[in-house]
């Protein structure tokens, strides 16, 4: 997800108010290379200290306290894509303009469930 910030480094959800990215941890394209000429201008933001956040993927680790005697456990994770986040929609729909109202009507009738991009399951004791 990317989050833009205004000149005061507060989250900004309107494009014209954005001065920089406060966070941009969208997955990098496969083959991403930080040595590219413009890499510093298009690199992920807020992923310092995450050595496995690389081109084409990232690793997420979960630690869950669960009684061993109750296992085995089936664990499933899903990677979801959402076209328009709730914060961005709320900011947009606060604008009183015919184009915004038309989009809001279309958006309210659209299927808005996140799309599952990938899923993985594992059984652990």
Protein backbone atom coordinates (compact mmCIF):
# COMPACT_ATOMS: atom_id res chain seq x y z
CA UNK A 1 0.00 0.00 0.00
CA UNK A 2 1.19 3.49 -0.69
CA UNK A 3 0.39 6.45 1.54
CA UNK A 4 1.16 9.96 0.32
CA UNK A 5 2.04 12.77 2.69
CA UNK A 6 1.43 16.50 2.44
CA UNK A 7 4.06 19.19 3.06
CA UNK A 8 3.56 18.72 6.83
CA UNK A 9 4.13 14.95 6.47
CA UNK A 10 0.51 14.16 7.37
CA UNK A 11 -1.30 11.50 5.33
CA UNK A 12 -2.83 12.97 2.16
CA UNK A 13 -5.40 11.09 0.14
CA UNK A 14 -5.90 13.67 -2.60
CA UNK A 15 -3.31 13.57 -5.35
CA UNK A 16 -2.84 17.34 -5.52
CA UNK A 17 -2.07 17.48 -1.79
CA UNK A 18 0.65 14.81 -1.97
CA UNK A 19 4.21 16.07 -1.62
CA UNK A 20 5.97 12.73 -1.02
CA UNK A 21 5.34 9.15 -0.05
CA UNK A 22 5.26 8.45 3.66
CA UNK A 23 5.04 4.74 2.93
CA UNK A 24 5.12 2.74 -0.27
CA UNK A 25 5.50 -0.96 0.29
CA UNK A 26 3.75 -2.13 -2.85
CA UNK A 27 5.53 -5.18 -4.20
CA UNK A 28 8.38 -4.29 -6.51
CA UNK A 29 8.38 -5.73 -10.03
CA UNK A 30 10.32 -8.95 -10.57
CA UNK A 31 13.83 -8.02 -11.67
CA UNK A 32 13.86 -4.75 -9.69
CA UNK A 33 17.40 -3.44 -9.30
CA UNK A 34 18.29 -0.67 -6.84
CA UNK A 35 21.31 0.15 -9.03
CA UNK A 36 19.06 1.47 -11.82
CA UNK A 37 19.52 5.14 -12.70
CA UNK A 38 16.18 6.37 -11.29
CA UNK A 39 15.84 3.78 -8.52
CA UNK A 40 15.98 6.33 -5.71
CA UNK A 41 12.96 8.15 -7.17
CA UNK A 42 10.80 5.05 -7.65
CA UNK A 43 11.98 2.75 -4.86
CA UNK A 44 9.81 1.45 -2.04
CA UNK A 45 9.51 3.75 0.99
CA UNK A 46 9.38 2.58 4.60
CA UNK A 47 10.91 -0.85 4.08
CA UNK A 48 14.32 -0.11 5.59
CA UNK A 49 15.54 -3.05 7.63
CA UNK A 50 13.48 -5.54 5.59
CA UNK A 51 16.21 -7.42 3.69
CA UNK A 52 13.83 -9.83 1.97
CA UNK A 53 11.66 -7.07 0.46
CA UNK A 54 13.04 -7.54 -3.03
CA UNK A 55 11.92 -7.42 -6.63
CA UNK A 56 9.07 -9.82 -7.21
CA UNK A 57 8.18 -10.62 -3.63
CA UNK A 58 8.48 -10.30 0.10
CA UNK A 59 8.49 -12.70 3.03
CA UNK A 60 6.06 -12.23 5.89
CA UNK A 61 6.57 -14.15 9.12
CA UNK A 62 3.86 -14.73 11.71
CA UNK A 63 4.29 -15.92 15.29
CA UNK A 64 1.12 -17.28 16.81
CA UNK A 65 0.88 -18.52 20.38
CA UNK A 66 -1.20 -21.68 20.31
CA UNK A 67 -1.25 -24.71 22.59
CA UNK A 68 0.82 -27.49 21.04
CA UNK A 69 -1.48 -30.15 22.45
CA UNK A 70 -4.37 -28.81 20.33
CA UNK A 71 -2.54 -29.15 16.98
CA UNK A 72 -1.95 -29.85 14.22
CA UNK A 73 -3.06 -26.49 12.86
CA UNK A 74 -3.94 -25.60 9.28
CA UNK A 75 -2.73 -22.08 8.44
CA UNK A 76 -3.83 -20.27 5.28
CA UNK A 77 -2.68 -16.85 4.08
CA UNK A 78 -4.13 -14.90 1.17
CA UNK A 79 -2.61 -12.03 -0.80
CA UNK A 80 -5.46 -9.71 -1.76
CA UNK A 81 -5.72 -6.80 -4.18
CA UNK A 82 -8.18 -3.96 -3.60
CA UNK A 83 -8.76 -1.38 -6.34
CA UNK A 84 -9.71 1.52 -4.07
CA UNK A 85 -9.06 1.68 -0.34
CA UNK A 86 -11.70 2.97 2.07
CA UNK A 87 -9.64 6.03 3.10
CA UNK A 88 -9.14 7.11 -0.50
CA UNK A 89 -12.82 6.56 -1.33
CA UNK A 90 -13.96 8.60 1.69
CA UNK A 91 -11.68 11.51 0.73
CA UNK A 92 -12.87 11.40 -2.87
CA UNK A 93 -16.55 11.16 -2.00
CA UNK A 94 -16.23 14.23 0.26
CA UNK A 95 -15.79 16.32 -2.90
CA UNK A 96 -19.09 17.68 -4.23
CA UNK A 97 -18.77 17.41 -7.99
CA UNK A 98 -20.99 15.73 -10.61
CA UNK A 99 -18.13 13.49 -11.75
CA UNK A 100 -17.48 12.33 -8.19
CA UNK A 101 -21.19 11.62 -7.59
CA UNK A 102 -21.35 9.62 -10.84
CA UNK A 103 -18.30 7.59 -9.84
CA UNK A 104 -19.69 7.08 -6.33
CA UNK A 105 -22.92 5.65 -7.79
CA UNK A 106 -20.97 3.27 -10.04
CA UNK A 107 -18.64 2.31 -7.21
CA UNK A 108 -21.53 1.59 -4.82
CA UNK A 109 -22.99 -0.90 -7.33
CA UNK A 110 -19.68 -2.56 -8.18
CA UNK A 111 -18.30 -5.76 -6.70
CA UNK A 112 -15.79 -4.42 -4.18
CA UNK A 113 -14.58 -7.61 -2.55
CA UNK A 114 -10.79 -7.83 -2.65
CA UNK A 115 -9.39 -10.09 -5.36
CA UNK A 116 -7.32 -12.99 -4.07
CA UNK A 117 -4.05 -12.82 -6.00
CA UNK A 118 -2.49 -15.88 -4.37
CA UNK A 119 -2.94 -18.13 -1.37
CA UNK A 120 -0.78 -20.59 0.53
CA UNK A 121 -1.55 -23.14 3.23
CA UNK A 122 0.57 -25.16 5.60
CA UNK A 123 -0.08 -27.60 8.42
CA UNK A 124 1.98 -27.13 11.58
CA UNK A 125 2.13 -28.87 14.94
